[in-house]
C-alpha atoms as a PDB file:
ATOM      1  CA  MET A   1      38.627 102.173  -3.459  1.00  0.00           C
ATOM      2  CA  GLY A   2      35.377 102.064  -4.635  1.00  0.00           C
ATOM      3  CA  SER A   3      33.328 100.494  -1.744  1.00  0.00           C
ATOM      4  CA  HIS A   4      31.111  98.544  -4.065  1.00  0.00           C
ATOM      5  CA  ASP A   5      34.622  96.982  -5.935  1.00  0.00           C
ATOM      6  CA  ARG A   6      35.022  93.430  -4.125  1.00  0.00           C
ATOM      7  CA  VAL A   7      37.763  92.207  -6.611  1.00  0.00           C
ATOM      8  CA  ALA A   8      40.140  94.765  -5.570  1.00  0.00           C
ATOM      9  CA  TYR A   9      39.539  93.684  -1.855  1.00  0.00           C
ATOM     10  CA  HIS A  10      40.356  90.320  -3.016  1.00  0.00           C
ATOM     11  CA  PHE A  11      43.262  91.373  -5.418  1.00  0.00           C
ATOM     12  CA  LEU A  12      44.775  92.948  -2.478  1.00  0.00           C
ATOM     13  CA  ILE A  13      44.327  89.853  -0.124  1.00  0.00           C
ATOM     14  CA  SER A  14      46.453  87.767  -2.745  1.00  0.00           C
ATOM     15  CA  LEU A  15      48.940  90.348  -3.161  1.00  0.00           C
ATOM     16  CA  TYR A  16      49.982  90.627   0.496  1.00  0.00           C
ATOM     17  CA  ALA A  17      49.414  87.071   1.092  1.00  0.00           C
ATOM     18  CA  GLY A  18      52.203  86.925  -2.080  1.00  0.00           C
ATOM     19  CA  ILE A  19      54.513  89.037  -0.304  1.00  0.00           C
ATOM     20  CA  ASN A  20      54.349  87.315   3.070  1.00  0.00           C
ATOM     21  CA  ASP A  21      52.774  90.746   4.920  1.00  0.00           C
ATOM     22  CA  LEU A  22      49.739  89.406   7.434  1.00  0.00           C
ATOM     23  CA  ASN A  23      49.422  92.325   9.247  1.00  0.00           C
ATOM     24  CA  GLU A  24      48.236  93.738   5.771  1.00  0.00           C
ATOM     25  CA  VAL A  25      46.219  91.041   5.012  1.00  0.00           C
ATOM     26  CA  ASN A  26      44.049  91.124   7.751  1.00  0.00           C
ATOM     27  CA  ARG A  27      44.073  95.125   7.634  1.00  0.00           C
ATOM     28  CA  VAL A  28      42.853  94.560   4.129  1.00  0.00           C
ATOM     29  CA  TRP A  29      40.212  91.454   5.404  1.00  0.00           C
ATOM     30  CA  ASN A  30      39.270  93.974   8.526  1.00  0.00           C
ATOM     31  CA  SER A  31      38.334  96.427   5.313  1.00  0.00           C
ATOM     32  CA  LEU A  32      36.572  94.218   3.047  1.00  0.00           C
ATOM     33  CA  LYS A  33      34.158  93.709   5.964  1.00  0.00           C
ATOM     34  CA  SER A  34      33.571  96.777   7.197  1.00  0.00           C
ATOM     35  CA  ALA A  35      32.482  98.098   3.692  1.00  0.00           C
ATOM     36  CA  PHE A  36      30.180  95.328   2.965  1.00  0.00           C
ATOM     37  CA  PRO A  37      26.881  94.472   4.935  1.00  0.00           C
ATOM     38  CA  LYS A  38      27.291  90.622   4.305  1.00  0.00           C
ATOM     39  CA  THR A  39      30.963  88.720   3.478  1.00  0.00           C
ATOM     40  CA  THR A  40      30.467  86.421   0.652  1.00  0.00           C
ATOM     41  CA  ASN A  41      31.860  82.920   0.367  1.00  0.00           C
ATOM     42  CA  MET A  42      33.819  84.191  -2.317  1.00  0.00           C
ATOM     43  CA  SER A  43      35.730  86.701   0.175  1.00  0.00           C
ATOM     44  CA  TYR A  44      36.165  83.927   2.472  1.00  0.00           C
ATOM     45  CA  LEU A  45      37.434  81.527  -0.344  1.00  0.00           C
ATOM     46  CA  LYS A  46      40.525  84.674  -0.841  1.00  0.00           C
ATOM     47  CA  MET A  47      41.067  84.764   2.831  1.00  0.00           C
ATOM     48  CA  PHE A  48      41.141  81.402   3.599  1.00  0.00           C
ATOM     49  CA  GLN A  49      43.702  80.418   0.522  1.00  0.00           C
ATOM     50  CA  ALA A  50      45.876  84.035   2.129  1.00  0.00           C
ATOM     51  CA  LEU A  51      46.044  82.195   5.619  1.00  0.00           C
ATOM     52  CA  ILE A  52      46.774  78.758   3.791  1.00  0.00           C
ATOM     53  CA  THR A  53      49.578  80.414   2.058  1.00  0.00           C
ATOM     54  CA  LEU A  54      50.803  82.822   5.480  1.00  0.00           C
ATOM     55  CA  ASN A  55      50.470  79.571   7.316  1.00  0.00           C
ATOM     56  CA  ASP A  56      48.749  80.880   9.704  1.00  0.00           C
ATOM     57  CA  VAL A  57      46.948  78.493  11.328  1.00  0.00           C
ATOM     58  CA  ASN A  58      45.756  80.119  14.294  1.00  0.00           C
ATOM     59  CA  GLY A  59      43.681  83.068  12.195  1.00  0.00           C
ATOM     60  CA  PHE A  60      42.573  80.287   9.879  1.00  0.00           C
ATOM     61  CA  GLN A  61      40.848  78.537  12.440  1.00  0.00           C
ATOM     62  CA  ILE A  62      39.526  81.568  13.744  1.00  0.00           C
ATOM     63  CA  CYS A  63      38.273  83.040   9.965  1.00  0.00           C
ATOM     64  CA  PHE A  64      37.186  79.784   9.407  1.00  0.00           C
ATOM     65  CA  GLU A  65      34.703  79.519  12.477  1.00  0.00           C
ATOM     66  CA  GLU A  66      33.546  82.710  11.809  1.00  0.00           C
ATOM     67  CA  TRP A  67      32.192  81.398   8.011  1.00  0.00           C
ATOM     68  CA  LYS A  68      30.297  78.223   9.526  1.00  0.00           C
ATOM     69  CA  SER A  69      28.795  80.604  11.858  1.00  0.00           C
ATOM     70  CA  SER A  70      27.805  82.883   9.263  1.00  0.00           C
ATOM     71  CA  CYS A  71      27.442  81.716   6.419  1.00  0.00           C
ATOM     72  CA  SER A  72      23.730  80.989   4.802  1.00  0.00           C
ATOM     73  CA  SER A  73      25.046  79.466   1.358  1.00  0.00           C
ATOM     74  CA  PHE A  74      26.691  76.322   1.938  1.00  0.00           C
ATOM     75  CA  ASP A  75      30.110  76.110  -0.410  1.00  0.00           C
ATOM     76  CA  VAL A  76      31.414  72.990  -0.400  1.00  0.00           C
ATOM     77  CA  ARG A  77      35.060  74.488  -1.837  1.00  0.00           C
ATOM     78  CA  LEU A  78      35.490  76.368   1.539  1.00  0.00           C
ATOM     79  CA  ALA A  79      35.248  72.790   3.345  1.00  0.00           C
ATOM     80  CA  ASN A  80      37.388  71.470   1.129  1.00  0.00           C
ATOM     81  CA  TYR A  81      40.318  74.107   1.532  1.00  0.00           C
ATOM     82  CA  ALA A  82      39.744  74.001   5.520  1.00  0.00           C
ATOM     83  CA  ILE A  83      39.979  69.661   5.600  1.00  0.00           C
ATOM     84  CA  ARG A  84      43.093  70.077   2.912  1.00  0.00           C
ATOM     85  CA  ALA A  85      44.527  72.831   5.419  1.00  0.00           C
ATOM     86  CA  PHE A  86      43.487  70.470   8.130  1.00  0.00           C
ATOM     87  CA  LEU A  87      45.325  67.494   7.026  1.00  0.00           C
ATOM     88  CA  GLY A  88      48.490  69.442   6.016  1.00  0.00           C
ATOM     89  CA  TRP A  89      49.417  70.786   9.461  1.00  0.00           C
ATOM     90  CA  GLY A  90      48.203  67.514  10.839  1.00  0.00           C
ATOM     91  CA  MET A  91      44.892  68.305  12.495  1.00  0.00           C
ATOM     92  CA  ILE A  92      43.285  65.509  11.779  1.00  0.00           C
ATOM     93  CA  LYS A  93      40.486  65.392  13.865  1.00  0.00           C
ATOM     94  CA  ASP A  94      40.060  68.983  12.955  1.00  0.00           C
ATOM     95  CA  ALA A  95      39.676  67.447   9.428  1.00  0.00           C
ATOM     96  CA  GLU A  96      37.214  64.881  10.321  1.00  0.00           C
ATOM     97  CA  SER A  97      34.935  67.398  12.201  1.00  0.00           C
ATOM     98  CA  THR A  98      34.684  69.714   9.638  1.00  0.00           C
ATOM     99  CA  LEU A  99      33.664  66.806   7.194  1.00  0.00           C
ATOM    100  CA  HIS A 100      30.855  65.755   9.496  1.00  0.00           C
ATOM    101  CA  TRP A 101      29.711  69.114   9.714  1.00  0.00           C
ATOM    102  CA  ALA A 102      29.770  69.650   5.723  1.00  0.00           C
ATOM    103  CA  VAL A 103      27.861  66.462   5.075  1.00  0.00           C
ATOM    104  CA  LYS A 104      25.159  67.633   7.616  1.00  0.00           C
ATOM    105  CA  ARG A 105      25.037  71.176   5.742  1.00  0.00           C
ATOM    106  CA  SER A 106      25.210  69.376   2.343  1.00  0.00           C
ATOM    107  CA  SER A 107      23.826  66.479   0.165  1.00  0.00           C
ATOM    108  CA  GLY A 108      27.174  66.360  -1.388  1.00  0.00           C
ATOM    109  CA  PRO A 109      28.995  65.256  -3.158  1.00  0.00           C
ATOM    110  CA  PHE A 110      32.513  64.679  -1.123  1.00  0.00           C
ATOM    111  CA  PHE A 111      34.830  62.495  -3.339  1.00  0.00           C
ATOM    112  CA  THR A 112      37.469  65.900  -3.441  1.00  0.00           C
ATOM    113  CA  ALA A 113      37.303  65.772   0.592  1.00  0.00           C
ATOM    114  CA  LEU A 114      37.489  61.801   0.576  1.00  0.00           C
ATOM    115  CA  ASP A 115      40.123  61.605  -1.839  1.00  0.00           C
ATOM    116  CA  MET A 116      42.275  64.385   0.255  1.00  0.00           C
ATOM    117  CA  PHE A 117      41.474  61.885   3.506  1.00  0.00           C
ATOM    118  CA  MET A 118      42.126  59.108   1.724  1.00  0.00           C
ATOM    119  CA  ALA A 119      45.492  60.417   0.440  1.00  0.00           C
ATOM    120  CA  HIS A 120      46.608  60.667   3.944  1.00  0.00           C
ATOM    121  CA  TYR A 121      45.710  57.710   5.046  1.00  0.00           C
ATOM    122  CA  LEU A 122      47.516  55.941   2.489  1.00  0.00           C
ATOM    123  CA  LYS A 123      50.896  58.098   3.747  1.00  0.00           C
ATOM    124  CA  ASP A 124      50.348  56.452   7.091  1.00  0.00           C
ATOM    125  CA  CYS A 125      49.716  53.616   5.704  1.00  0.00           C
ATOM    126  CA  LYS A 126      46.199  52.845   7.277  1.00  0.00           C
ATOM    127  CA  ILE A 127      44.615  50.864   4.137  1.00  0.00           C
ATOM    128  CA  ASP A 128      41.730  49.864   5.511  1.00  0.00           C
ATOM    129  CA  MET A 129      40.647  53.609   6.576  1.00  0.00           C
ATOM    130  CA  ALA A 130      41.841  54.854   2.754  1.00  0.00           C
ATOM    131  CA  LEU A 131      39.768  51.967   1.801  1.00  0.00           C
ATOM    132  CA  ARG A 132      36.718  52.981   3.147  1.00  0.00           C
ATOM    133  CA  CYS A 133      37.006  56.214   1.961  1.00  0.00           C
ATOM    134  CA  MET A 134      37.420  55.306  -1.264  1.00  0.00           C
ATOM    135  CA  GLU A 135      33.946  53.569  -1.513  1.00  0.00           C
ATOM    136  CA  GLU A 136      32.343  56.116   0.168  1.00  0.00           C
ATOM    137  CA  ALA A 137      33.864  57.985  -2.931  1.00  0.00           C
ATOM    138  CA  ALA A 138      32.295  54.982  -5.195  1.00  0.00           C
ATOM    139  CA  SER A 139      28.876  55.183  -3.360  1.00  0.00           C
ATOM    140  CA  GLU A 140      28.652  59.258  -4.267  1.00  0.00           C
ATOM    141  CA  VAL A 141      29.981  59.376  -7.945  1.00  0.00           C
ATOM    142  CA  LYS A 142      27.679  59.436 -11.007  1.00  0.00           C
ATOM    143  CA  ASN A 143      28.706  58.835 -14.581  1.00  0.00           C
ATOM    144  CA  ASN A 144      32.070  58.889 -14.012  1.00  0.00           C
ATOM    145  CA  GLU A 145      32.492  62.859 -12.842  1.00  0.00           C
ATOM    146  CA  TRP A 146      35.682  61.463 -10.595  1.00  0.00           C
ATOM    147  CA  GLN A 147      38.137  58.769 -10.503  1.00  0.00           C
ATOM    148  CA  PRO A 148      40.946  58.594  -8.132  1.00  0.00           C
ATOM    149  CA  ALA A 149      44.178  59.409  -9.449  1.00  0.00           C
ATOM    150  CA  PRO A 150      46.435  56.636 -10.943  1.00  0.00           C
ATOM    151  CA  LYS A 151      48.970  57.619  -8.554  1.00  0.00           C
ATOM    152  CA  ARG A 152      45.971  56.383  -5.537  1.00  0.00           C
ATOM    153  CA  VAL A 153      45.294  53.143  -7.544  1.00  0.00           C
ATOM    154  CA  THR A 154      49.518  52.575  -7.379  1.00  0.00           C
ATOM    155  CA  ALA A 155      49.724  52.987  -3.744  1.00  0.00           C
ATOM    156  CA  PHE A 156      46.693  50.958  -2.892  1.00  0.00           C
ATOM    157  CA  LEU A 157      48.075  47.797  -5.286  1.00  0.00           C
ATOM    158  CA  LYS A 158      51.453  48.198  -4.441  1.00  0.00           C
ATOM    159  CA  TYR A 159      50.889  47.461  -0.460  1.00  0.00           C
ATOM    160  CA  PHE A 160      48.864  44.905  -1.735  1.00  0.00           C
ATOM    161  CA  GLU A 161      51.325  43.161  -3.582  1.00  0.00           C
ATOM    162  CA  GLU A 162      54.146  43.931  -0.940  1.00  0.00           C
ATOM    163  CA  GLU A 163      51.736  42.487   1.555  1.00  0.00           C
ATOM    164  CA  LYS A 164      50.938  39.218  -0.526  1.00  0.00           C
ATOM    165  CA  ASP A 165      47.614  40.215  -0.300  1.00  0.00           C
ATOM    166  CA  VAL A 166      45.165  39.027  -3.291  1.00  0.00           C
ATOM    167  CA  GLU A 167      41.881  39.082  -1.287  1.00  0.00           C
ATOM    168  CA  GLY A 168      42.639  43.072  -0.777  1.00  0.00           C
ATOM    169  CA  ALA A 169      44.093  43.528  -4.013  1.00  0.00           C
ATOM    170  CA  GLU A 170      40.512  42.159  -6.039  1.00  0.00           C
ATOM    171  CA  LYS A 171      38.580  44.021  -3.365  1.00  0.00           C
ATOM    172  CA  PHE A 172      40.049  46.999  -4.588  1.00  0.00           C
ATOM    173  CA  CYS A 173      39.796  46.479  -8.048  1.00  0.00           C
ATOM    174  CA  LYS A 174      35.924  45.640  -7.566  1.00  0.00           C
ATOM    175  CA  ILE A 175      35.512  49.001  -6.548  1.00  0.00           C
ATOM    176  CA  LEU A 176      37.765  50.809  -8.787  1.00  0.00           C
ATOM    177  CA  LYS A 177      35.598  48.740 -11.991  1.00  0.00           C
ATOM    178  CA  ASN A 178      32.803  50.702 -10.537  1.00  0.00           C
ATOM    179  CA  PHE A 179      34.455  53.718 -11.608  1.00  0.00           C
ATOM    180  CA  GLY A 180      35.562  52.500 -14.952  1.00  0.00           C
ATOM    181  CA  GLY A 181      38.817  52.881 -13.785  1.00  0.00           C
ATOM    182  CA  LEU A 182      39.896  49.233 -14.168  1.00  0.00           C
ATOM    183  CA  ASP A 183      42.530  49.632 -16.876  1.00  0.00           C
ATOM    184  CA  SER A 184      45.598  47.782 -17.872  1.00  0.00           C
ATOM    185  CA  ASN A 185      47.939  49.224 -15.326  1.00  0.00           C
ATOM    186  CA  ALA A 186      45.821  47.983 -12.345  1.00  0.00           C
ATOM    187  CA  TYR A 187      45.657  44.572 -13.897  1.00  0.00           C
ATOM    188  CA  ARG A 188      49.530  44.628 -14.143  1.00  0.00           C
ATOM    189  CA  LEU A 189      49.712  45.658 -10.611  1.00  0.00           C
ATOM    190  CA  LEU A 190      46.912  42.844  -9.646  1.00  0.00           C
ATOM    191  CA  LEU A 191      48.670  40.379 -11.640  1.00  0.00           C
ATOM    192  CA  GLN A 192      51.557  41.344  -9.894  1.00  0.00           C
ATOM    193  CA  THR A 193      50.066  40.399  -6.765  1.00  0.00           C
ATOM    194  CA  TYR A 194      48.660  36.817  -7.612  1.00  0.00           C
ATOM    195  CA  VAL A 195      52.699  35.783  -8.899  1.00  0.00           C
ATOM    196  CA  ALA A 196      54.081  37.342  -5.749  1.00  0.00           C
ATOM    197  CA  THR A 197      51.608  34.542  -3.530  1.00  0.00           C
ATOM    198  CA  GLY A 198      52.544  31.987  -6.353  1.00  0.00           C
ATOM    199  CA  ARG A 199      48.802  31.888  -6.619  1.00  0.00           C
ATOM    200  CA  THR A 200      47.048  31.292 -10.192  1.00  0.00           C
ATOM    201  CA  SER A 201      43.184  32.268 -11.279  1.00  0.00           C
ATOM    202  CA  LEU A 202      42.191  30.217 -14.163  1.00  0.00           C
ATOM    203  CA  GLU A 203      39.752  33.109 -14.845  1.00  0.00           C
ATOM    204  CA  MET A 204      41.797  35.947 -15.272  1.00  0.00           C
ATOM    205  CA  GLN A 205      42.298  35.688 -18.931  1.00  0.00           C
ATOM    206  CA  LYS A 206      38.544  36.096 -19.156  1.00  0.00           C
ATOM    207  CA  ARG A 207      37.898  38.841 -16.808  1.00  0.00           C
ATOM    208  CA  MET A 208      40.811  40.755 -18.808  1.00  0.00           C
ATOM    209  CA  ARG A 209      39.279  39.912 -22.438  1.00  0.00           C
ATOM    210  CA  GLU A 210      35.901  41.064 -20.739  1.00  0.00           C
ATOM    211  CA  ASP A 211      36.787  44.543 -19.627  1.00  0.00           C
ATOM    212  CA  ASP A 212      38.715  45.653 -22.941  1.00  0.00           C
ATOM    213  CA  ILE A 213      42.077  45.282 -21.669  1.00  0.00           C
ATOM    214  CA  GLU A 214      44.820  45.706 -24.107  1.00  0.00           C
ATOM    215  CA  MET A 215      48.019  43.476 -23.649  1.00  0.00           C
ATOM    216  CA  ASP A 216      51.195  44.235 -23.705  1.00  0.00           C
ATOM    217  CA  SER A 217      54.174  42.009 -24.059  1.00  0.00           C
ATOM    218  CA  GLU A 218      54.531  42.256 -20.263  1.00  0.00           C
ATOM    219  CA  LEU A 219      50.922  41.587 -18.902  1.00  0.00           C
ATOM    220  CA  GLY A 220      51.201  38.502 -21.745  1.00  0.00           C
ATOM    221  CA  ASP A 221      54.126  37.305 -19.243  1.00  0.00           C
ATOM    222  CA  LEU A 222      52.362  38.021 -15.867  1.00  0.00           C
ATOM    223  CA  LEU A 223      49.122  36.308 -17.403  1.00  0.00           C
ATOM    224  CA  GLN A 224      50.882  33.641 -18.537  1.00  0.00           C
ATOM    225  CA  SER A 225      52.225  32.984 -15.138  1.00  0.00           C
ATOM    226  CA  VAL A 226      49.146  33.639 -13.489  1.00  0.00           C
ATOM    227  CA  CYS A 227      46.407  31.878 -15.753  1.00  0.00           C
ATOM    228  CA  PRO A 228      48.658  29.210 -17.100  1.00  0.00           C
ATOM    229  CA  GLU A 229      47.103  27.438 -20.458  1.00  0.00           C
END
């Protein structure tokens, strides 16, 4: 193997990870670091992916700390891989400290990381913390470069419907509108929250018209309940 061919090392690391051979992954990794005076972010990325695949928590922590201490050029992708891994392993404080460190190293944006935290907090029904992540992400997004996934939107609004929390649903929809993501599905869930509480809103029809919401029979029935003529 040519000493100048990093791609070959990366291929072997991925190959051995795919067949669950941690010893060979570590052997190739050490050979790569010996062959080159500087270990690139791409090499660390390949090693991160391998260690996560192999579920080697301790090895990943060691590799991650090594990257943190040696990287001269910050790469948000590696921080995101670390955050995703730590959240997946239930190491919440490590994930949070990784985000705090990343914020100090770079101006962002960090909406991908915030989305991962949002998903974690939604799964644990920590809605206030999930909503805080949503607000932080909204403050970073420009030109609609990111929107919360439809399943996140549904999870938020279903929670507000079950809790009969109209104010919470409205606050969420206000944030969602900043992303340009206030669509017919979001309005459907918002209206269902109003119906669940027996609340009405005389302005709802006007709001939906201004937001160019395309009506269907279900939306029409819900709107009639919330905004009776």
